Amino acid sequence: MPTVENHKEMVPFEHYTGLFRALDPVEAAERCGVRYDPERGAFTVRLLYVDYEITWPEFSIASKDDAGFALTNLPAQMLIIRFLLEGKRSVGSGEFLPYREMPWGEVYLKPFTGRCLNRAAFTFGTRLEAFKRAAEQTPAIPIGKGDAAYQLEIMPGYDVRLIVWEGDDEFPPNSQILFSDNFPQAFSAEDRTVVGDILISDLKRRMV
């Protein structure tokens, strides 16, 4: 497994791997709608279009896609663990909601705005064509909103719409992130912030 270079998240990571060891893998697989191979002790979890093999009870992560973002990103790995611990399979109604309209959204809106909305605006709104090229390296679906917008799958059944407006001499760049309306069934307010954060990071590394 590739080495994770950033260790600032190691304390919460170790906390969640401890909880992970105690879960019932068969129950988790059924609840989350993921595959579990008891002979190999491994889940198959899809995140941002990449399939990862997650071993249990001792957590490890691997993928046939050597460029998979979660291989070297601890927040993405913790998101996978938390999904297996608390998430569940579900399908949205087709409606999308802003962060603030979901449970606890008003309470945690400020950190979400800083970590996700402002970051997306100034990362992508200042380099719109590079953002489009990065999004189009994935199976993202373009949608007719803002100056550039795409719908991306976070995990099967859970989609996000990332909308960007380009800045100009009068107005700064802006962004909006909308979540399929089933997100609260599997992701806490903090998890939804992590979703936005890792989505931005994954697209940013694709920009040239």
N, C-alpha and C. Protein backbone atom coordinates (compact mmCIF):
# COMPACT_ATOMS: atom_id res chain seq x y z
N MET A 1 0.85 -1.19 0.00
CA MET A 1 0.00 0.00 0.00
C MET A 1 0.88 1.23 0.00
N PRO A 2 0.60 2.25 -0.82
CA PRO A 2 1.42 3.45 -0.85
C PRO A 2 1.45 4.14 0.51
N THR A 3 2.55 4.83 0.79
CA THR A 3 2.72 5.53 2.05
C THR A 3 1.92 6.82 2.06
N VAL A 4 1.25 7.08 3.17
CA VAL A 4 0.55 8.34 3.36
C VAL A 4 1.55 9.35 3.88
N GLU A 5 1.71 10.46 3.18
CA GLU A 5 2.74 11.43 3.54
C GLU A 5 2.28 12.38 4.64
N ASN A 6 1.00 12.69 4.71
CA ASN A 6 0.49 13.67 5.67
C ASN A 6 -0.04 12.93 6.91
N HIS A 7 0.60 13.15 8.05
CA HIS A 7 0.24 12.38 9.25
C HIS A 7 -0.57 13.20 10.25
N LYS A 8 -1.04 14.39 9.89
CA LYS A 8 -1.75 15.23 10.85
C LYS A 8 -3.07 14.62 11.28
N GLU A 9 -3.61 13.67 10.50
CA GLU A 9 -4.89 13.05 10.84
C GLU A 9 -4.72 11.68 11.50
N MET A 10 -3.49 11.35 11.94
CA MET A 10 -3.25 9.99 12.41
C MET A 10 -4.02 9.65 13.67
N VAL A 11 -4.22 10.60 14.60
CA VAL A 11 -4.92 10.28 15.85
C VAL A 11 -6.37 9.88 15.58
N PRO A 12 -7.18 10.70 14.87
CA PRO A 12 -8.54 10.24 14.57
C PRO A 12 -8.55 9.01 13.68
N PHE A 13 -7.58 8.88 12.79
CA PHE A 13 -7.51 7.70 11.93
C PHE A 13 -7.37 6.44 12.77
N GLU A 14 -6.48 6.47 13.76
CA GLU A 14 -6.28 5.30 14.61
C GLU A 14 -7.52 5.01 15.44
N HIS A 15 -8.24 6.06 15.84
CA HIS A 15 -9.51 5.87 16.57
C HIS A 15 -10.50 5.10 15.70
N TYR A 16 -10.64 5.50 14.44
CA TYR A 16 -11.63 4.86 13.58
C TYR A 16 -11.20 3.47 13.16
N THR A 17 -9.91 3.22 13.00
CA THR A 17 -9.49 1.86 12.67
C THR A 17 -9.75 0.93 13.84
N GLY A 18 -9.69 1.47 15.08
CA GLY A 18 -10.05 0.67 16.24
C GLY A 18 -11.52 0.28 16.22
N LEU A 19 -12.40 1.22 15.90
CA LEU A 19 -13.82 0.91 15.77
C LEU A 19 -14.06 -0.07 14.62
N PHE A 20 -13.31 0.10 13.55
CA PHE A 20 -13.45 -0.75 12.36
C PHE A 20 -13.19 -2.21 12.71
N ARG A 21 -12.21 -2.48 13.57
CA ARG A 21 -11.89 -3.86 13.93
C ARG A 21 -13.07 -4.55 14.60
N ALA A 22 -13.91 -3.76 15.28
CA ALA A 22 -15.00 -4.34 16.06
C ALA A 22 -16.30 -4.52 15.29
N LEU A 23 -16.36 -4.05 14.05
CA LEU A 23 -17.64 -4.15 13.33
C LEU A 23 -17.90 -5.58 12.85
N ASP A 24 -19.15 -5.85 12.55
CA ASP A 24 -19.57 -7.11 11.95
C ASP A 24 -19.49 -6.93 10.44
N PRO A 25 -18.53 -7.55 9.77
CA PRO A 25 -18.33 -7.26 8.34
C PRO A 25 -19.50 -7.67 7.46
N VAL A 26 -20.17 -8.75 7.82
CA VAL A 26 -21.31 -9.20 7.01
C VAL A 26 -22.45 -8.19 7.12
N GLU A 27 -22.74 -7.77 8.35
CA GLU A 27 -23.79 -6.77 8.56
C GLU A 27 -23.44 -5.46 7.85
N ALA A 28 -22.18 -5.03 7.94
CA ALA A 28 -21.75 -3.78 7.31
C ALA A 28 -21.91 -3.86 5.80
N ALA A 29 -21.54 -4.99 5.21
CA ALA A 29 -21.66 -5.15 3.76
C ALA A 29 -23.11 -5.09 3.31
N GLU A 30 -23.99 -5.75 4.04
CA GLU A 30 -25.41 -5.74 3.69
C GLU A 30 -26.01 -4.34 3.85
N ARG A 31 -25.67 -3.68 4.94
CA ARG A 31 -26.21 -2.35 5.21
C ARG A 31 -25.73 -1.32 4.18
N CYS A 32 -24.46 -1.40 3.80
CA CYS A 32 -23.87 -0.41 2.91
C CYS A 32 -24.00 -0.78 1.42
N GLY A 33 -24.40 -2.01 1.14
CA GLY A 33 -24.53 -2.41 -0.25
C GLY A 33 -23.19 -2.58 -0.95
N VAL A 34 -22.18 -3.09 -0.21
CA VAL A 34 -20.86 -3.33 -0.78
C VAL A 34 -20.55 -4.81 -0.70
N ARG A 35 -19.58 -5.24 -1.47
CA ARG A 35 -19.17 -6.65 -1.45
C ARG A 35 -18.21 -6.91 -0.28
N TYR A 36 -18.37 -8.10 0.31
CA TYR A 36 -17.42 -8.55 1.32
C TYR A 36 -17.08 -10.00 1.04
N ASP A 37 -15.79 -10.29 0.94
CA ASP A 37 -15.29 -11.64 0.70
C ASP A 37 -14.76 -12.19 2.02
N PRO A 38 -15.51 -13.09 2.68
CA PRO A 38 -15.07 -13.58 3.99
C PRO A 38 -13.79 -14.40 3.93
N GLU A 39 -13.53 -15.06 2.82
CA GLU A 39 -12.31 -15.87 2.71
C GLU A 39 -11.07 -14.98 2.70
N ARG A 40 -11.19 -13.83 2.06
CA ARG A 40 -10.06 -12.92 1.98
C ARG A 40 -10.13 -11.82 3.04
N GLY A 41 -11.27 -11.73 3.72
CA GLY A 41 -11.44 -10.67 4.71
C GLY A 41 -11.31 -9.30 4.08
N ALA A 42 -12.08 -9.05 3.01
CA ALA A 42 -11.91 -7.80 2.27
C ALA A 42 -13.24 -7.29 1.74
N PHE A 43 -13.48 -5.99 1.96
CA PHE A 43 -14.58 -5.27 1.34
C PHE A 43 -14.12 -4.70 0.00
N THR A 44 -15.08 -4.47 -0.90
CA THR A 44 -14.82 -3.67 -2.10
C THR A 44 -15.71 -2.44 -2.02
N VAL A 45 -15.08 -1.27 -1.94
CA VAL A 45 -15.78 0.00 -1.78
C VAL A 45 -15.37 0.93 -2.91
N ARG A 46 -16.37 1.57 -3.52
CA ARG A 46 -16.11 2.49 -4.63
C ARG A 46 -16.20 3.93 -4.13
N LEU A 47 -15.15 4.71 -4.39
CA LEU A 47 -15.11 6.12 -4.02
C LEU A 47 -14.54 6.92 -5.18
N LEU A 48 -15.30 7.92 -5.64
CA LEU A 48 -14.86 8.77 -6.76
C LEU A 48 -14.42 7.92 -7.96
N TYR A 49 -15.27 6.96 -8.30
CA TYR A 49 -15.12 6.14 -9.50
C TYR A 49 -13.99 5.11 -9.43
N VAL A 50 -13.37 4.95 -8.27
CA VAL A 50 -12.27 3.98 -8.12
C VAL A 50 -12.69 2.93 -7.10
N ASP A 51 -12.47 1.65 -7.43
CA ASP A 51 -12.76 0.55 -6.51
C ASP A 51 -11.55 0.29 -5.62
N TYR A 52 -11.81 0.21 -4.32
CA TYR A 52 -10.75 -0.06 -3.35
C TYR A 52 -11.03 -1.37 -2.62
N GLU A 53 -9.99 -2.11 -2.34
CA GLU A 53 -10.09 -3.29 -1.50
C GLU A 53 -9.70 -2.89 -0.09
N ILE A 54 -10.63 -3.07 0.84
CA ILE A 54 -10.43 -2.70 2.24
C ILE A 54 -10.39 -3.96 3.07
N THR A 55 -9.26 -4.27 3.68
CA THR A 55 -9.17 -5.50 4.47
C THR A 55 -9.71 -5.28 5.87
N TRP A 56 -10.24 -6.35 6.44
CA TRP A 56 -10.78 -6.37 7.80
C TRP A 56 -10.31 -7.64 8.49
N PRO A 57 -9.99 -7.65 9.79
CA PRO A 57 -10.20 -6.57 10.77
C PRO A 57 -9.10 -5.51 10.78
N GLU A 58 -7.89 -5.85 10.32
CA GLU A 58 -6.83 -4.84 10.28
C GLU A 58 -6.98 -4.06 8.98
N PHE A 59 -7.20 -2.77 9.12
CA PHE A 59 -7.46 -1.94 7.95
C PHE A 59 -6.23 -1.82 7.06
N SER A 60 -6.43 -2.08 5.78
CA SER A 60 -5.47 -1.70 4.75
C SER A 60 -6.27 -1.37 3.50
N ILE A 61 -5.68 -0.64 2.60
CA ILE A 61 -6.37 -0.21 1.40
C ILE A 61 -5.48 -0.46 0.19
N ALA A 62 -6.09 -0.96 -0.88
CA ALA A 62 -5.36 -1.21 -2.12
C ALA A 62 -6.32 -1.01 -3.28
N SER A 63 -5.77 -0.83 -4.47
CA SER A 63 -6.60 -0.66 -5.66
C SER A 63 -5.79 -1.05 -6.89
N LYS A 64 -6.49 -1.54 -7.90
CA LYS A 64 -5.84 -1.78 -9.18
C LYS A 64 -5.46 -0.48 -9.87
N ASP A 65 -6.13 0.60 -9.47
CA ASP A 65 -5.83 1.93 -10.01
C ASP A 65 -4.79 2.59 -9.11
N ASP A 66 -3.53 2.59 -9.55
CA ASP A 66 -2.45 3.12 -8.72
C ASP A 66 -2.60 4.61 -8.45
N ALA A 67 -3.42 5.30 -9.24
CA ALA A 67 -3.62 6.74 -9.05
C ALA A 67 -4.82 7.04 -8.16
N GLY A 68 -5.44 6.02 -7.58
CA GLY A 68 -6.61 6.23 -6.73
C GLY A 68 -6.31 7.20 -5.60
N PHE A 69 -7.13 8.23 -5.47
CA PHE A 69 -6.87 9.31 -4.52
C PHE A 69 -6.82 8.81 -3.09
N ALA A 70 -7.68 7.88 -2.72
CA ALA A 70 -7.77 7.43 -1.33
C ALA A 70 -6.56 6.61 -0.89
N LEU A 71 -5.75 6.16 -1.82
CA LEU A 71 -4.58 5.35 -1.44
C LEU A 71 -3.63 6.13 -0.55
N THR A 72 -3.53 7.44 -0.73
CA THR A 72 -2.58 8.24 0.03
C THR A 72 -3.24 9.38 0.80
N ASN A 73 -4.56 9.36 0.94
CA ASN A 73 -5.26 10.45 1.59
C ASN A 73 -6.01 9.94 2.81
N LEU A 74 -5.57 10.32 4.00
CA LEU A 74 -6.18 9.80 5.22
C LEU A 74 -7.63 10.24 5.39
N PRO A 75 -8.01 11.49 5.12
CA PRO A 75 -9.43 11.83 5.23
C PRO A 75 -10.33 10.97 4.34
N ALA A 76 -9.87 10.65 3.13
CA ALA A 76 -10.65 9.78 2.26
C ALA A 76 -10.75 8.38 2.84
N GLN A 77 -9.67 7.89 3.44
CA GLN A 77 -9.71 6.57 4.07
C GLN A 77 -10.65 6.57 5.27
N MET A 78 -10.63 7.65 6.06
CA MET A 78 -11.54 7.73 7.20
C MET A 78 -12.99 7.82 6.74
N LEU A 79 -13.23 8.49 5.62
CA LEU A 79 -14.59 8.55 5.09
C LEU A 79 -15.09 7.16 4.73
N ILE A 80 -14.24 6.35 4.12
CA ILE A 80 -14.61 4.97 3.79
C ILE A 80 -14.90 4.18 5.06
N ILE A 81 -14.02 4.30 6.06
CA ILE A 81 -14.24 3.58 7.31
C ILE A 81 -15.55 4.00 7.96
N ARG A 82 -15.79 5.32 8.03
CA ARG A 82 -17.02 5.80 8.66
C ARG A 82 -18.26 5.35 7.89
N PHE A 83 -18.15 5.26 6.57
CA PHE A 83 -19.28 4.75 5.80
C PHE A 83 -19.56 3.30 6.18
N LEU A 84 -18.53 2.49 6.30
CA LEU A 84 -18.72 1.10 6.69
C LEU A 84 -19.25 0.98 8.12
N LEU A 85 -18.87 1.92 8.98
CA LEU A 85 -19.35 1.90 10.37
C LEU A 85 -20.79 2.37 10.51
N GLU A 86 -21.17 3.43 9.78
CA GLU A 86 -22.44 4.09 10.05
C GLU A 86 -23.32 4.30 8.82
N GLY A 87 -22.77 4.12 7.62
CA GLY A 87 -23.52 4.43 6.41
C GLY A 87 -24.50 3.35 6.02
N LYS A 88 -25.20 3.61 4.93
CA LYS A 88 -26.09 2.60 4.40
C LYS A 88 -26.38 2.89 2.92
N ARG A 89 -26.77 1.86 2.23
CA ARG A 89 -27.14 2.00 0.82
C ARG A 89 -28.47 2.75 0.74
N SER A 90 -28.55 3.70 -0.17
CA SER A 90 -29.81 4.40 -0.41
C SER A 90 -29.76 5.07 -1.78
N VAL A 91 -30.91 5.50 -2.23
CA VAL A 91 -31.02 6.17 -3.53
C VAL A 91 -31.77 7.47 -3.31
N GLY A 92 -31.27 8.55 -3.87
CA GLY A 92 -31.92 9.84 -3.73
C GLY A 92 -33.16 9.95 -4.60
N SER A 93 -33.94 10.98 -4.36
CA SER A 93 -35.17 11.21 -5.11
C SER A 93 -34.91 11.90 -6.45
N GLY A 94 -33.68 12.37 -6.66
CA GLY A 94 -33.37 13.18 -7.83
C GLY A 94 -33.21 14.65 -7.50
N GLU A 95 -33.58 15.01 -6.27
CA GLU A 95 -33.40 16.38 -5.82
C GLU A 95 -32.01 16.55 -5.20
N PHE A 96 -31.48 17.79 -5.29
CA PHE A 96 -30.19 18.10 -4.71
C PHE A 96 -30.35 19.26 -3.73
N LEU A 97 -29.59 19.19 -2.61
CA LEU A 97 -29.73 20.18 -1.54
C LEU A 97 -28.38 20.84 -1.25
N PRO A 98 -28.40 22.14 -0.90
CA PRO A 98 -27.18 22.76 -0.41
C PRO A 98 -26.89 22.26 1.00
N TYR A 99 -25.67 22.44 1.41
CA TYR A 99 -25.22 21.96 2.72
C TYR A 99 -26.11 22.48 3.85
N ARG A 100 -26.45 23.75 3.81
CA ARG A 100 -27.16 24.38 4.93
C ARG A 100 -28.57 23.83 5.10
N GLU A 101 -29.14 23.20 4.09
CA GLU A 101 -30.51 22.68 4.20
C GLU A 101 -30.57 21.24 4.69
N MET A 102 -29.42 20.66 4.98
CA MET A 102 -29.40 19.30 5.53
C MET A 102 -29.18 19.36 7.04
N PRO A 103 -29.43 18.26 7.76
CA PRO A 103 -29.29 18.29 9.22
C PRO A 103 -27.94 18.82 9.68
N TRP A 104 -27.97 19.73 10.66
CA TRP A 104 -26.79 20.37 11.24
C TRP A 104 -26.05 21.27 10.25
N GLY A 105 -26.64 21.51 9.10
CA GLY A 105 -25.96 22.32 8.09
C GLY A 105 -25.73 23.75 8.54
N GLU A 106 -26.71 24.33 9.21
CA GLU A 106 -26.55 25.71 9.68
C GLU A 106 -25.45 25.79 10.73
N VAL A 107 -25.35 24.78 11.57
CA VAL A 107 -24.37 24.78 12.65
C VAL A 107 -22.95 24.73 12.11
N TYR A 108 -22.73 23.90 11.08
CA TYR A 108 -21.38 23.69 10.55
C TYR A 108 -21.14 24.39 9.22
N LEU A 109 -21.99 25.36 8.90
CA LEU A 109 -21.88 26.02 7.60
C LEU A 109 -20.57 26.79 7.46
N LYS A 110 -20.11 27.43 8.53
CA LYS A 110 -18.89 28.23 8.43
C LYS A 110 -17.68 27.39 8.03
N PRO A 111 -17.38 26.26 8.71
CA PRO A 111 -16.24 25.46 8.26
C PRO A 111 -16.44 24.88 6.87
N PHE A 112 -17.68 24.51 6.53
CA PHE A 112 -17.92 24.00 5.18
C PHE A 112 -17.64 25.08 4.14
N THR A 113 -18.06 26.30 4.44
CA THR A 113 -17.83 27.40 3.50
C THR A 113 -16.34 27.63 3.29
N GLY A 114 -15.57 27.62 4.37
CA GLY A 114 -14.14 27.83 4.24
C GLY A 114 -13.41 26.70 3.57
N ARG A 115 -13.68 25.47 4.00
CA ARG A 115 -12.96 24.31 3.48
C ARG A 115 -13.39 23.91 2.09
N CYS A 116 -14.63 24.22 1.73
CA CYS A 116 -15.17 23.71 0.47
C CYS A 116 -15.59 24.81 -0.50
N LEU A 117 -16.54 25.65 -0.12
CA LEU A 117 -17.07 26.62 -1.07
C LEU A 117 -16.02 27.65 -1.48
N ASN A 118 -15.34 28.27 -0.50
CA ASN A 118 -14.33 29.25 -0.85
C ASN A 118 -13.16 28.62 -1.57
N ARG A 119 -12.77 27.44 -1.11
CA ARG A 119 -11.64 26.75 -1.75
C ARG A 119 -11.98 26.39 -3.19
N ALA A 120 -13.17 25.86 -3.43
CA ALA A 120 -13.57 25.52 -4.79
C ALA A 120 -13.62 26.76 -5.68
N ALA A 121 -14.17 27.86 -5.13
CA ALA A 121 -14.30 29.09 -5.90
C ALA A 121 -12.94 29.57 -6.39
N PHE A 122 -11.96 29.64 -5.48
CA PHE A 122 -10.68 30.22 -5.84
C PHE A 122 -9.73 29.22 -6.49
N THR A 123 -10.02 27.92 -6.35
CA THR A 123 -9.23 26.91 -7.06
C THR A 123 -9.69 26.77 -8.50
N PHE A 124 -11.01 26.74 -8.71
CA PHE A 124 -11.56 26.45 -10.04
C PHE A 124 -12.05 27.69 -10.77
N GLY A 125 -12.58 28.67 -10.03
CA GLY A 125 -13.12 29.85 -10.68
C GLY A 125 -12.07 30.75 -11.28
N THR A 126 -10.82 30.59 -10.87
CA THR A 126 -9.73 31.35 -11.44
C THR A 126 -9.03 30.61 -12.58
N ARG A 127 -9.40 29.34 -12.77
CA ARG A 127 -8.80 28.52 -13.84
C ARG A 127 -9.89 27.63 -14.44
N LEU A 128 -10.87 28.27 -15.03
CA LEU A 128 -12.08 27.58 -15.43
C LEU A 128 -11.81 26.48 -16.46
N GLU A 129 -10.99 26.75 -17.47
CA GLU A 129 -10.75 25.75 -18.50
C GLU A 129 -9.99 24.56 -17.94
N ALA A 130 -9.05 24.81 -17.03
CA ALA A 130 -8.34 23.71 -16.40
C ALA A 130 -9.28 22.87 -15.54
N PHE A 131 -10.23 23.54 -14.88
CA PHE A 131 -11.25 22.82 -14.11
C PHE A 131 -12.08 21.91 -15.02
N LYS A 132 -12.49 22.42 -16.16
CA LYS A 132 -13.29 21.61 -17.09
C LYS A 132 -12.50 20.39 -17.55
N ARG A 133 -11.24 20.60 -17.90
CA ARG A 133 -10.41 19.48 -18.35
C ARG A 133 -10.25 18.44 -17.24
N ALA A 134 -10.08 18.90 -16.01
CA ALA A 134 -9.93 17.98 -14.89
C ALA A 134 -11.19 17.16 -14.67
N ALA A 135 -12.35 17.82 -14.68
CA ALA A 135 -13.61 17.11 -14.47
C ALA A 135 -13.87 16.12 -15.58
N GLU A 136 -13.47 16.47 -16.79
CA GLU A 136 -13.74 15.60 -17.94
C GLU A 136 -12.78 14.43 -18.03
N GLN A 137 -11.78 14.38 -17.14
CA GLN A 137 -10.95 13.17 -17.02
C GLN A 137 -11.69 12.08 -16.26
N THR A 138 -12.79 12.42 -15.64
CA THR A 138 -13.60 11.49 -14.87
C THR A 138 -14.91 11.24 -15.62
N PRO A 139 -15.73 10.30 -15.15
CA PRO A 139 -17.06 10.12 -15.76
C PRO A 139 -18.09 11.18 -15.35
N ALA A 140 -17.64 12.30 -14.82
CA ALA A 140 -18.55 13.36 -14.38
C ALA A 140 -19.49 13.78 -15.51
N ILE A 141 -20.70 14.16 -15.13
CA ILE A 141 -21.72 14.58 -16.09
C ILE A 141 -21.81 16.10 -16.09
N PRO A 142 -21.56 16.77 -17.22
CA PRO A 142 -21.72 18.23 -17.24
C PRO A 142 -23.19 18.61 -17.10
N ILE A 143 -23.46 19.67 -16.36
CA ILE A 143 -24.82 20.16 -16.19
C ILE A 143 -24.82 21.66 -16.50
N GLY A 144 -25.93 22.16 -16.96
CA GLY A 144 -26.00 23.52 -17.46
C GLY A 144 -26.25 24.55 -16.37
N LYS A 145 -25.29 24.72 -15.48
CA LYS A 145 -25.42 25.70 -14.42
C LYS A 145 -24.11 26.46 -14.25
N GLY A 146 -24.18 27.69 -13.74
CA GLY A 146 -22.99 28.47 -13.52
C GLY A 146 -22.19 28.68 -14.79
N ASP A 147 -20.88 28.91 -14.64
CA ASP A 147 -19.99 28.99 -15.80
C ASP A 147 -19.42 27.62 -16.15
N ALA A 148 -19.42 26.72 -15.19
CA ALA A 148 -19.06 25.32 -15.43
C ALA A 148 -19.61 24.52 -14.26
N ALA A 149 -20.19 23.37 -14.53
CA ALA A 149 -20.79 22.58 -13.46
C ALA A 149 -20.82 21.11 -13.87
N TYR A 150 -20.59 20.24 -12.88
CA TYR A 150 -20.56 18.80 -13.14
C TYR A 150 -21.23 18.06 -11.99
N GLN A 151 -21.84 16.95 -12.34
CA GLN A 151 -22.38 16.02 -11.34
C GLN A 151 -21.43 14.85 -11.23
N LEU A 152 -20.98 14.55 -10.02
CA LEU A 152 -19.99 13.50 -9.80
C LEU A 152 -20.50 12.51 -8.76
N GLU A 153 -20.15 11.26 -8.95
CA GLU A 153 -20.52 10.22 -8.00
C GLU A 153 -19.46 10.14 -6.91
N ILE A 154 -19.88 10.28 -5.67
CA ILE A 154 -18.98 10.10 -4.54
C ILE A 154 -18.87 8.62 -4.19
N MET A 155 -20.01 8.01 -3.93
CA MET A 155 -20.14 6.56 -3.79
C MET A 155 -21.41 6.17 -4.53
N PRO A 156 -21.56 4.92 -4.89
CA PRO A 156 -22.78 4.53 -5.61
C PRO A 156 -24.05 4.97 -4.87
N GLY A 157 -24.90 5.72 -5.58
CA GLY A 157 -26.13 6.23 -5.00
C GLY A 157 -26.00 7.61 -4.40
N TYR A 158 -24.78 8.10 -4.23
CA TYR A 158 -24.54 9.40 -3.61
C TYR A 158 -23.78 10.31 -4.58
N ASP A 159 -24.48 11.34 -5.06
CA ASP A 159 -23.92 12.24 -6.08
C ASP A 159 -23.82 13.67 -5.56
N VAL A 160 -22.86 14.40 -6.12
CA VAL A 160 -22.65 15.80 -5.77
C VAL A 160 -22.62 16.61 -7.04
N ARG A 161 -23.18 17.81 -6.99
CA ARG A 161 -23.08 18.76 -8.10
C ARG A 161 -22.16 19.91 -7.67
N LEU A 162 -21.11 20.11 -8.43
CA LEU A 162 -20.15 21.18 -8.17
C LEU A 162 -20.33 22.25 -9.25
N ILE A 163 -20.71 23.45 -8.82
CA ILE A 163 -21.02 24.55 -9.73
C ILE A 163 -20.02 25.68 -9.48
N VAL A 164 -19.44 26.21 -10.56
CA VAL A 164 -18.40 27.24 -10.43
C VAL A 164 -18.76 28.45 -11.30
N TRP A 165 -18.56 29.62 -10.72
CA TRP A 165 -18.69 30.87 -11.48
C TRP A 165 -17.31 31.53 -11.54
N GLU A 166 -16.92 31.94 -12.72
CA GLU A 166 -15.60 32.53 -12.93
C GLU A 166 -15.56 33.96 -12.39
N GLY A 167 -14.46 34.32 -11.77
CA GLY A 167 -14.31 35.68 -11.29
C GLY A 167 -13.98 36.65 -12.41
N ASP A 168 -14.22 37.94 -12.17
CA ASP A 168 -13.85 38.97 -13.12
C ASP A 168 -13.41 40.21 -12.35
N ASP A 169 -13.28 41.35 -13.03
CA ASP A 169 -12.79 42.57 -12.39
C ASP A 169 -13.75 43.08 -11.32
N GLU A 170 -15.02 42.74 -11.43
CA GLU A 170 -16.02 43.26 -10.49
C GLU A 170 -16.38 42.29 -9.38
N PHE A 171 -16.39 40.99 -9.71
CA PHE A 171 -16.87 40.02 -8.74
C PHE A 171 -15.83 38.91 -8.55
N PRO A 172 -15.66 38.43 -7.33
CA PRO A 172 -14.75 37.30 -7.10
C PRO A 172 -15.38 36.01 -7.63
N PRO A 173 -14.57 34.98 -7.83
CA PRO A 173 -15.14 33.69 -8.22
C PRO A 173 -16.06 33.14 -7.12
N ASN A 174 -16.97 32.28 -7.52
CA ASN A 174 -17.93 31.75 -6.56
C ASN A 174 -18.17 30.28 -6.87
N SER A 175 -18.73 29.55 -5.92
CA SER A 175 -19.04 28.14 -6.15
C SER A 175 -20.22 27.72 -5.29
N GLN A 176 -20.84 26.63 -5.68
CA GLN A 176 -21.88 25.98 -4.90
C GLN A 176 -21.69 24.48 -5.01
N ILE A 177 -21.94 23.79 -3.92
CA ILE A 177 -21.88 22.33 -3.89
C ILE A 177 -23.24 21.84 -3.41
N LEU A 178 -23.88 21.03 -4.22
CA LEU A 178 -25.19 20.46 -3.90
C LEU A 178 -25.06 18.95 -3.74
N PHE A 179 -25.78 18.41 -2.78
CA PHE A 179 -25.71 16.99 -2.45
C PHE A 179 -27.03 16.31 -2.79
N SER A 180 -26.96 15.09 -3.33
CA SER A 180 -28.20 14.34 -3.53
C SER A 180 -28.90 14.21 -2.18
N ASP A 181 -30.23 14.27 -2.20
CA ASP A 181 -30.97 14.45 -0.95
C ASP A 181 -30.96 13.25 -0.01
N ASN A 182 -30.30 12.15 -0.41
CA ASN A 182 -30.17 11.01 0.49
C ASN A 182 -28.89 11.07 1.33
N PHE A 183 -28.04 12.06 1.13
CA PHE A 183 -26.78 12.12 1.86
C PHE A 183 -26.94 12.02 3.39
N PRO A 184 -27.94 12.68 4.00
CA PRO A 184 -28.05 12.58 5.46
C PRO A 184 -28.29 11.17 5.97
N GLN A 185 -28.70 10.26 5.11
CA GLN A 185 -28.93 8.89 5.54
C GLN A 185 -27.62 8.15 5.82
N ALA A 186 -26.50 8.66 5.29
CA ALA A 186 -25.24 7.94 5.42
C ALA A 186 -24.08 8.81 5.88
N PHE A 187 -24.20 10.13 5.75
CA PHE A 187 -23.06 11.00 6.01
C PHE A 187 -23.45 12.11 6.98
N SER A 188 -22.68 12.26 8.05
CA SER A 188 -22.90 13.34 9.01
C SER A 188 -22.52 14.68 8.37
N ALA A 189 -22.80 15.77 9.10
CA ALA A 189 -22.41 17.09 8.60
C ALA A 189 -20.91 17.18 8.38
N GLU A 190 -20.12 16.64 9.31
CA GLU A 190 -18.66 16.65 9.15
C GLU A 190 -18.24 15.79 7.96
N ASP A 191 -18.88 14.63 7.80
CA ASP A 191 -18.56 13.78 6.65
C ASP A 191 -18.85 14.49 5.34
N ARG A 192 -19.93 15.26 5.31
CA ARG A 192 -20.27 15.98 4.08
C ARG A 192 -19.22 17.04 3.76
N THR A 193 -18.64 17.64 4.80
CA THR A 193 -17.53 18.57 4.57
C THR A 193 -16.32 17.83 4.02
N VAL A 194 -16.05 16.65 4.55
CA VAL A 194 -14.93 15.84 4.04
C VAL A 194 -15.17 15.46 2.58
N VAL A 195 -16.42 15.12 2.25
CA VAL A 195 -16.76 14.80 0.86
C VAL A 195 -16.39 15.95 -0.05
N GLY A 196 -16.81 17.17 0.31
CA GLY A 196 -16.46 18.32 -0.51
C GLY A 196 -14.97 18.53 -0.60
N ASP A 197 -14.28 18.37 0.51
CA ASP A 197 -12.84 18.59 0.57
C ASP A 197 -12.07 17.63 -0.33
N ILE A 198 -12.40 16.33 -0.24
CA ILE A 198 -11.65 15.36 -1.03
C ILE A 198 -12.02 15.45 -2.51
N LEU A 199 -13.27 15.82 -2.81
CA LEU A 199 -13.65 16.01 -4.20
C LEU A 199 -12.83 17.14 -4.82
N ILE A 200 -12.70 18.26 -4.11
CA ILE A 200 -11.91 19.38 -4.61
C ILE A 200 -10.45 18.96 -4.79
N SER A 201 -9.90 18.25 -3.80
CA SER A 201 -8.49 17.83 -3.88
C SER A 201 -8.26 16.89 -5.05
N ASP A 202 -9.20 15.96 -5.28
CA ASP A 202 -9.04 15.02 -6.38
C ASP A 202 -9.06 15.74 -7.72
N LEU A 203 -9.97 16.72 -7.88
CA LEU A 203 -10.02 17.47 -9.14
C LEU A 203 -8.80 18.39 -9.28
N LYS A 204 -8.38 18.99 -8.19
CA LYS A 204 -7.24 19.91 -8.24
C LYS A 204 -5.98 19.21 -8.74
N ARG A 205 -5.75 17.96 -8.30
CA ARG A 205 -4.54 17.27 -8.73
C ARG A 205 -4.57 16.91 -10.22
N ARG A 206 -5.76 16.95 -10.81
CA ARG A 206 -5.88 16.65 -12.24
C ARG A 206 -5.70 17.88 -13.12
N MET A 207 -5.66 19.05 -12.51
CA MET A 207 -5.58 20.29 -13.28
C MET A 207 -4.18 20.51 -13.82
N VAL A 208 -4.09 20.88 -15.08
CA VAL A 208 -2.80 21.17 -15.71
C VAL A 208 -2.86 22.52 -16.41
